[in-house]
Amino acid sequence: MPIQKSTLIHSFTLHSNRPLPDMSDKTKQDESKVDAIIGAAQKRFAHYGLSKTTMTEIATDIGMGKASLYYYFPDKETLFEAVIIKEQNIFLEEMHQMLNSGIEASAQLKKYVKMRSLLFTKYANLANLRSDSNDNAKPIAVRCLGGFRDTEIDLVSTILQHGIASKEFKRINKQEYAVVLVNLLLGLRLVKMKYQEPGSIFSTEDYEDLAKQGCKVVSMLVKDIQSE
């Protein structure tokens, strides 16, 4: 059963406790300004990190007064969190398209693992969030990464249900298997982080290696749950 796009995006954004700008009463021009702010901040944060980026620099990048910037985002941390949510939701949009592509569930699981690694390769803010030493980034990491984990579990559970419905997979506890797979993928990344040099970041090769390891994990899982 294809997961509905609105459910997928909504289930993620509910996990963010920090209120982001409410566009319900704003004009299209306001929405455009918010998009421009987030876009400029995304580049700044990716290059300089949260601690070395200032709201003044972001305002200057888009030709906006600092006071106007604070009208949309009350502080730098709220803006940084909006950037992380943007990067995560791009992944969710791509996952939505993949889930509705009609390919077999086992292939979807492997594609999910590869797209997950590509996500961290493409988006530096998200990739570096867990290793950011800035104290202000840590609560954001807890909120965003914790919420994202829950969403990933929902995604994997949906793929498993697709496999069960098509009789590709046996009848299993899809939630239990989804939790196991997501936790294993997180564990692979944490183990690799443990042996990184302090302050270093993952290379493209590191993420490619994680994708290969993740696909091996998926192959073992699929072998266990495939219909006979």
C-alpha atoms as a PDB file:
ATOM      1  CA  MET A   1       0.000   0.000   0.000  1.00  0.00           C
ATOM      2  CA  PRO A   2       1.572   3.323  -1.044  1.00  0.00           C
ATOM      3  CA  ILE A   3       2.054   5.724   1.830  1.00  0.00           C
ATOM      4  CA  GLN A   4       0.247   9.018   1.433  1.00  0.00           C
ATOM      5  CA  LYS A   5       2.509  12.004   0.935  1.00  0.00           C
ATOM      6  CA  SER A   6       0.612  14.223   3.360  1.00  0.00           C
ATOM      7  CA  THR A   7       0.833  11.578   6.104  1.00  0.00           C
ATOM      8  CA  LEU A   8       4.524  11.058   5.534  1.00  0.00           C
ATOM      9  CA  ILE A   9       5.482  14.733   5.724  1.00  0.00           C
ATOM     10  CA  HIS A  10       3.037  15.487   8.535  1.00  0.00           C
ATOM     11  CA  SER A  11       4.220  12.591  10.690  1.00  0.00           C
ATOM     12  CA  PHE A  12       7.746  13.965  10.536  1.00  0.00           C
ATOM     13  CA  THR A  13       7.052  17.611  11.252  1.00  0.00           C
ATOM     14  CA  LEU A  14       5.000  16.720  14.333  1.00  0.00           C
ATOM     15  CA  HIS A  15       8.209  15.517  15.995  1.00  0.00           C
ATOM     16  CA  SER A  16       9.705  19.022  16.058  1.00  0.00           C
ATOM     17  CA  ASN A  17       8.843  20.720  19.379  1.00  0.00           C
ATOM     18  CA  ARG A  18      10.305  24.094  18.443  1.00  0.00           C
ATOM     19  CA  PRO A  19       7.634  26.199  16.692  1.00  0.00           C
ATOM     20  CA  LEU A  20       8.598  27.122  13.138  1.00  0.00           C
ATOM     21  CA  PRO A  21       7.122  30.073  11.214  1.00  0.00           C
ATOM     22  CA  ASP A  22       3.384  29.640  10.653  1.00  0.00           C
ATOM     23  CA  MET A  23       2.618  30.538   7.053  1.00  0.00           C
ATOM     24  CA  SER A  24      -1.154  30.015   7.324  1.00  0.00           C
ATOM     25  CA  ASP A  25      -1.854  33.731   7.661  1.00  0.00           C
ATOM     26  CA  LYS A  26       1.029  34.936   5.519  1.00  0.00           C
ATOM     27  CA  THR A  27       1.078  35.964   1.896  1.00  0.00           C
ATOM     28  CA  LYS A  28       2.854  34.217  -0.953  1.00  0.00           C
ATOM     29  CA  GLN A  29       5.467  36.950  -0.715  1.00  0.00           C
ATOM     30  CA  ASP A  30       6.121  35.999   2.918  1.00  0.00           C
ATOM     31  CA  GLU A  31       6.462  32.347   1.943  1.00  0.00           C
ATOM     32  CA  SER A  32       8.942  33.314  -0.733  1.00  0.00           C
ATOM     33  CA  LYS A  33      10.981  35.295   1.797  1.00  0.00           C
ATOM     34  CA  VAL A  34      11.034  32.370   4.215  1.00  0.00           C
ATOM     35  CA  ASP A  35      12.232  30.079   1.414  1.00  0.00           C
ATOM     36  CA  ALA A  36      14.966  32.561   0.531  1.00  0.00           C
ATOM     37  CA  ILE A  37      16.053  32.840   4.170  1.00  0.00           C
ATOM     38  CA  ILE A  38      16.213  29.071   4.616  1.00  0.00           C
ATOM     39  CA  GLY A  39      18.102  28.697   1.319  1.00  0.00           C
ATOM     40  CA  ALA A  40      20.721  31.272   2.317  1.00  0.00           C
ATOM     41  CA  ALA A  41      21.021  29.837   5.814  1.00  0.00           C
ATOM     42  CA  GLN A  42      21.436  26.342   4.399  1.00  0.00           C
ATOM     43  CA  LYS A  43      24.518  27.448   2.461  1.00  0.00           C
ATOM     44  CA  ARG A  44      25.987  29.395   5.386  1.00  0.00           C
ATOM     45  CA  PHE A  45      25.473  26.629   7.936  1.00  0.00           C
ATOM     46  CA  ALA A  46      26.859  23.997   5.542  1.00  0.00           C
ATOM     47  CA  HIS A  47      30.053  25.996   5.021  1.00  0.00           C
ATOM     48  CA  TYR A  48      30.658  27.544   8.450  1.00  0.00           C
ATOM     49  CA  GLY A  49      28.539  25.490  10.854  1.00  0.00           C
ATOM     50  CA  LEU A  50      26.019  26.736  13.395  1.00  0.00           C
ATOM     51  CA  SER A  51      28.466  28.364  15.813  1.00  0.00           C
ATOM     52  CA  LYS A  52      30.362  30.426  13.194  1.00  0.00           C
ATOM     53  CA  THR A  53      27.304  31.693  11.318  1.00  0.00           C
ATOM     54  CA  THR A  54      25.522  34.874  12.366  1.00  0.00           C
ATOM     55  CA  MET A  55      22.028  36.115  11.638  1.00  0.00           C
ATOM     56  CA  THR A  56      23.587  39.334  10.319  1.00  0.00           C
ATOM     57  CA  GLU A  57      25.509  37.399   7.650  1.00  0.00           C
ATOM     58  CA  ILE A  58      22.395  35.530   6.555  1.00  0.00           C
ATOM     59  CA  ALA A  59      20.407  38.766   6.357  1.00  0.00           C
ATOM     60  CA  THR A  60      23.173  40.373   4.297  1.00  0.00           C
ATOM     61  CA  ASP A  61      23.273  37.399   1.906  1.00  0.00           C
ATOM     62  CA  ILE A  62      19.663  38.005   0.880  1.00  0.00           C
ATOM     63  CA  GLY A  63      19.639  41.789   1.166  1.00  0.00           C
ATOM     64  CA  MET A  64      17.325  41.812   4.165  1.00  0.00           C
ATOM     65  CA  GLY A  65      17.509  43.873   7.331  1.00  0.00           C
ATOM     66  CA  LYS A  66      18.392  41.965  10.484  1.00  0.00           C
ATOM     67  CA  ALA A  67      15.150  43.065  12.141  1.00  0.00           C
ATOM     68  CA  SER A  68      13.170  41.653   9.229  1.00  0.00           C
ATOM     69  CA  LEU A  69      14.992  38.350   9.549  1.00  0.00           C
ATOM     70  CA  TYR A  70      14.056  38.138  13.220  1.00  0.00           C
ATOM     71  CA  TYR A  71      10.425  38.741  12.231  1.00  0.00           C
ATOM     72  CA  TYR A  72      10.437  35.346  10.514  1.00  0.00           C
ATOM     73  CA  PHE A  73      12.885  33.486  12.777  1.00  0.00           C
ATOM     74  CA  PRO A  74      13.271  34.496  16.444  1.00  0.00           C
ATOM     75  CA  ASP A  75      16.793  33.050  16.758  1.00  0.00           C
ATOM     76  CA  LYS A  76      19.547  31.264  14.878  1.00  0.00           C
ATOM     77  CA  GLU A  77      18.678  27.871  16.348  1.00  0.00           C
ATOM     78  CA  THR A  78      15.104  28.025  15.048  1.00  0.00           C
ATOM     79  CA  LEU A  79      16.439  28.855  11.597  1.00  0.00           C
ATOM     80  CA  PHE A  80      18.984  26.031  11.752  1.00  0.00           C
ATOM     81  CA  GLU A  81      16.235  23.594  12.679  1.00  0.00           C
ATOM     82  CA  ALA A  82      14.168  24.807   9.718  1.00  0.00           C
ATOM     83  CA  VAL A  83      17.151  24.036   7.466  1.00  0.00           C
ATOM     84  CA  ILE A  84      17.443  20.507   8.875  1.00  0.00           C
ATOM     85  CA  ILE A  85      13.718  19.917   8.386  1.00  0.00           C
ATOM     86  CA  LYS A  86      13.983  21.134   4.803  1.00  0.00           C
ATOM     87  CA  GLU A  87      16.801  18.690   4.086  1.00  0.00           C
ATOM     88  CA  GLN A  88      14.917  15.821   5.701  1.00  0.00           C
ATOM     89  CA  ASN A  89      11.681  16.604   3.889  1.00  0.00           C
ATOM     90  CA  ILE A  90      13.466  16.552   0.519  1.00  0.00           C
ATOM     91  CA  PHE A  91      14.393  12.962   1.327  1.00  0.00           C
ATOM     92  CA  LEU A  92      10.791  12.213   2.314  1.00  0.00           C
ATOM     93  CA  GLU A  93       9.521  13.652  -0.968  1.00  0.00           C
ATOM     94  CA  GLU A  94      11.896  11.382  -2.881  1.00  0.00           C
ATOM     95  CA  MET A  95      10.867   8.417  -0.744  1.00  0.00           C
ATOM     96  CA  HIS A  96       7.215   9.137  -1.501  1.00  0.00           C
ATOM     97  CA  GLN A  97       7.924   8.909  -5.216  1.00  0.00           C
ATOM     98  CA  MET A  98       9.852   5.675  -4.754  1.00  0.00           C
ATOM     99  CA  LEU A  99       7.124   4.086  -2.620  1.00  0.00           C
ATOM    100  CA  ASN A 100       4.600   4.741  -5.357  1.00  0.00           C
ATOM    101  CA  SER A 101       6.819   3.440  -8.151  1.00  0.00           C
ATOM    102  CA  GLY A 102       5.391  -0.089  -8.061  1.00  0.00           C
ATOM    103  CA  ILE A 103       8.747  -1.893  -7.682  1.00  0.00           C
ATOM    104  CA  GLU A 104       9.070  -4.953  -5.462  1.00  0.00           C
ATOM    105  CA  ALA A 105       9.371  -4.433  -1.719  1.00  0.00           C
ATOM    106  CA  SER A 106      12.847  -6.019  -1.511  1.00  0.00           C
ATOM    107  CA  ALA A 107      14.089  -3.598  -4.187  1.00  0.00           C
ATOM    108  CA  GLN A 108      12.432  -0.712  -2.340  1.00  0.00           C
ATOM    109  CA  LEU A 109      14.294  -1.609   0.843  1.00  0.00           C
ATOM    110  CA  LYS A 110      17.656  -1.545  -0.936  1.00  0.00           C
ATOM    111  CA  LYS A 111      16.792   1.689  -2.703  1.00  0.00           C
ATOM    112  CA  TYR A 112      15.778   3.212   0.624  1.00  0.00           C
ATOM    113  CA  VAL A 113      19.214   2.357   2.063  1.00  0.00           C
ATOM    114  CA  LYS A 114      21.003   3.875  -0.941  1.00  0.00           C
ATOM    115  CA  MET A 115      18.823   7.014  -0.915  1.00  0.00           C
ATOM    116  CA  ARG A 116      19.444   7.358   2.812  1.00  0.00           C
ATOM    117  CA  SER A 117      23.216   7.398   2.297  1.00  0.00           C
ATOM    118  CA  LEU A 118      22.847   9.806  -0.609  1.00  0.00           C
ATOM    119  CA  LEU A 119      20.835  12.123   1.637  1.00  0.00           C
ATOM    120  CA  PHE A 120      23.769  12.534   4.011  1.00  0.00           C
ATOM    121  CA  THR A 121      26.177  12.916   1.089  1.00  0.00           C
ATOM    122  CA  LYS A 122      24.166  15.773  -0.421  1.00  0.00           C
ATOM    123  CA  TYR A 123      23.226  17.703   2.709  1.00  0.00           C
ATOM    124  CA  ALA A 124      26.110  18.758   4.928  1.00  0.00           C
ATOM    125  CA  ASN A 125      23.978  20.233   7.714  1.00  0.00           C
ATOM    126  CA  LEU A 126      22.101  17.005   8.256  1.00  0.00           C
ATOM    127  CA  ALA A 127      25.235  14.893   7.863  1.00  0.00           C
ATOM    128  CA  ASN A 128      27.165  16.865  10.484  1.00  0.00           C
ATOM    129  CA  LEU A 129      24.314  17.374  12.937  1.00  0.00           C
ATOM    130  CA  ARG A 130      25.067  14.411  15.207  1.00  0.00           C
ATOM    131  CA  SER A 131      28.783  15.254  15.386  1.00  0.00           C
ATOM    132  CA  ASP A 132      28.331  19.033  15.854  1.00  0.00           C
ATOM    133  CA  SER A 133      30.076  19.995  19.083  1.00  0.00           C
ATOM    134  CA  ASN A 134      28.048  23.200  19.487  1.00  0.00           C
ATOM    135  CA  ASP A 135      25.902  22.859  22.629  1.00  0.00           C
ATOM    136  CA  ASN A 136      23.035  24.690  20.908  1.00  0.00           C
ATOM    137  CA  ALA A 137      23.005  22.072  18.147  1.00  0.00           C
ATOM    138  CA  LYS A 138      22.587  19.123  20.519  1.00  0.00           C
ATOM    139  CA  PRO A 139      18.909  19.716  21.421  1.00  0.00           C
ATOM    140  CA  ILE A 140      18.173  20.183  17.716  1.00  0.00           C
ATOM    141  CA  ALA A 141      19.885  16.876  16.979  1.00  0.00           C
ATOM    142  CA  VAL A 142      17.786  15.139  19.619  1.00  0.00           C
ATOM    143  CA  ARG A 143      14.535  16.554  18.247  1.00  0.00           C
ATOM    144  CA  CYS A 144      15.226  16.231  14.533  1.00  0.00           C
ATOM    145  CA  LEU A 145      17.118  12.949  14.458  1.00  0.00           C
ATOM    146  CA  GLY A 146      14.801  11.318  16.979  1.00  0.00           C
ATOM    147  CA  GLY A 147      11.769  12.387  14.990  1.00  0.00           C
ATOM    148  CA  PHE A 148      13.400  11.336  11.745  1.00  0.00           C
ATOM    149  CA  ARG A 149      14.107   7.870  13.165  1.00  0.00           C
ATOM    150  CA  ASP A 150      10.400   7.464  13.945  1.00  0.00           C
ATOM    151  CA  THR A 151       9.536   8.511  10.400  1.00  0.00           C
ATOM    152  CA  GLU A 152      12.061   6.084   8.921  1.00  0.00           C
ATOM    153  CA  ILE A 153      10.456   3.286  10.936  1.00  0.00           C
ATOM    154  CA  ASP A 154       7.076   4.248   9.457  1.00  0.00           C
ATOM    155  CA  LEU A 155       8.595   4.203   5.962  1.00  0.00           C
ATOM    156  CA  VAL A 156      10.190   0.789   6.367  1.00  0.00           C
ATOM    157  CA  SER A 157       7.001  -0.571   7.923  1.00  0.00           C
ATOM    158  CA  THR A 158       5.080   0.631   4.858  1.00  0.00           C
ATOM    159  CA  ILE A 159       7.528  -1.109   2.517  1.00  0.00           C
ATOM    160  CA  LEU A 160       7.227  -4.329   4.519  1.00  0.00           C
ATOM    161  CA  GLN A 161       3.443  -4.104   4.371  1.00  0.00           C
ATOM    162  CA  HIS A 162       3.697  -3.754   0.589  1.00  0.00           C
ATOM    163  CA  GLY A 163       5.759  -6.958   0.525  1.00  0.00           C
ATOM    164  CA  ILE A 164       3.266  -8.778   2.734  1.00  0.00           C
ATOM    165  CA  ALA A 165       0.311  -7.647   0.635  1.00  0.00           C
ATOM    166  CA  SER A 166       2.000  -8.791  -2.582  1.00  0.00           C
ATOM    167  CA  LYS A 167       2.943 -12.099  -0.912  1.00  0.00           C
ATOM    168  CA  GLU A 168       6.628 -11.355  -1.506  1.00  0.00           C
ATOM    169  CA  PHE A 169       7.119 -11.501   2.271  1.00  0.00           C
ATOM    170  CA  LYS A 170       5.684 -13.756   4.942  1.00  0.00           C
ATOM    171  CA  ARG A 171       3.251 -12.371   7.486  1.00  0.00           C
ATOM    172  CA  ILE A 172       5.517 -10.796  10.069  1.00  0.00           C
ATOM    173  CA  ASN A 173       5.419  -8.149  12.754  1.00  0.00           C
ATOM    174  CA  LYS A 174       6.268  -5.336  10.336  1.00  0.00           C
ATOM    175  CA  GLN A 175       6.786  -2.752  13.081  1.00  0.00           C
ATOM    176  CA  GLU A 176       9.245  -4.960  14.910  1.00  0.00           C
ATOM    177  CA  TYR A 177      11.266  -5.661  11.774  1.00  0.00           C
ATOM    178  CA  ALA A 178      11.187  -1.974  10.788  1.00  0.00           C
ATOM    179  CA  VAL A 179      12.627  -0.962  14.162  1.00  0.00           C
ATOM    180  CA  VAL A 180      15.375  -3.575  13.864  1.00  0.00           C
ATOM    181  CA  LEU A 181      16.392  -2.457  10.363  1.00  0.00           C
ATOM    182  CA  VAL A 182      16.454   1.261  11.166  1.00  0.00           C
ATOM    183  CA  ASN A 183      18.404   0.644  14.375  1.00  0.00           C
ATOM    184  CA  LEU A 184      20.945  -1.476  12.514  1.00  0.00           C
ATOM    185  CA  LEU A 185      21.440   1.261   9.907  1.00  0.00           C
ATOM    186  CA  LEU A 186      21.911   3.832  12.669  1.00  0.00           C
ATOM    187  CA  GLY A 187      24.346   1.472  14.393  1.00  0.00           C
ATOM    188  CA  LEU A 188      26.476   1.084  11.268  1.00  0.00           C
ATOM    189  CA  ARG A 189      26.847   4.855  11.074  1.00  0.00           C
ATOM    190  CA  LEU A 190      27.616   5.230  14.784  1.00  0.00           C
ATOM    191  CA  VAL A 191      30.320   2.531  14.637  1.00  0.00           C
ATOM    192  CA  LYS A 192      31.969   4.286  11.690  1.00  0.00           C
ATOM    193  CA  MET A 193      31.761   7.620  13.538  1.00  0.00           C
ATOM    194  CA  LYS A 194      33.453   6.090  16.575  1.00  0.00           C
ATOM    195  CA  TYR A 195      36.621   5.387  14.588  1.00  0.00           C
ATOM    196  CA  GLN A 196      36.729   8.748  12.797  1.00  0.00           C
ATOM    197  CA  GLU A 197      39.361  11.305  13.698  1.00  0.00           C
ATOM    198  CA  PRO A 198      37.924  13.921  16.121  1.00  0.00           C
ATOM    199  CA  GLY A 199      36.357  16.775  14.162  1.00  0.00           C
ATOM    200  CA  SER A 200      36.505  14.928  10.836  1.00  0.00           C
ATOM    201  CA  ILE A 201      33.475  14.324   8.643  1.00  0.00           C
ATOM    202  CA  PHE A 202      32.455  11.395   6.486  1.00  0.00           C
ATOM    203  CA  SER A 203      33.690  11.302   2.907  1.00  0.00           C
ATOM    204  CA  THR A 204      31.678  10.212  -0.121  1.00  0.00           C
ATOM    205  CA  GLU A 205      33.520   6.897   0.087  1.00  0.00           C
ATOM    206  CA  ASP A 206      32.406   6.489   3.718  1.00  0.00           C
ATOM    207  CA  TYR A 207      28.771   6.905   2.721  1.00  0.00           C
ATOM    208  CA  GLU A 208      29.175   4.529  -0.205  1.00  0.00           C
ATOM    209  CA  ASP A 209      30.603   1.966   2.209  1.00  0.00           C
ATOM    210  CA  LEU A 210      27.666   2.495   4.574  1.00  0.00           C
ATOM    211  CA  ALA A 211      25.255   1.979   1.673  1.00  0.00           C
ATOM    212  CA  LYS A 212      26.964  -1.322   0.773  1.00  0.00           C
ATOM    213  CA  GLN A 213      26.843  -2.499   4.377  1.00  0.00           C
ATOM    214  CA  GLY A 214      23.210  -1.423   4.640  1.00  0.00           C
ATOM    215  CA  CYS A 215      22.280  -3.379   1.512  1.00  0.00           C
ATOM    216  CA  LYS A 216      23.914  -6.476   3.015  1.00  0.00           C
ATOM    217  CA  VAL A 217      21.785  -6.025   6.124  1.00  0.00           C
ATOM    218  CA  VAL A 218      18.690  -5.722   3.917  1.00  0.00           C
ATOM    219  CA  SER A 219      19.658  -8.894   2.027  1.00  0.00           C
ATOM    220  CA  MET A 220      19.863 -10.819   5.312  1.00  0.00           C
ATOM    221  CA  LEU A 221      16.517  -9.424   6.451  1.00  0.00           C
ATOM    222  CA  VAL A 222      14.817 -10.232   3.135  1.00  0.00           C
ATOM    223  CA  LYS A 223      16.176 -13.794   3.222  1.00  0.00           C
ATOM    224  CA  ASP A 224      14.565 -14.207   6.633  1.00  0.00           C
ATOM    225  CA  ILE A 225      11.119 -12.894   5.657  1.00  0.00           C
ATOM    226  CA  GLN A 226      10.726 -13.986   2.023  1.00  0.00           C
ATOM    227  CA  SER A 227       7.744 -16.169   1.257  1.00  0.00           C
ATOM    228  CA  GLU A 228       8.657 -19.780   0.551  1.00  0.00           C
END
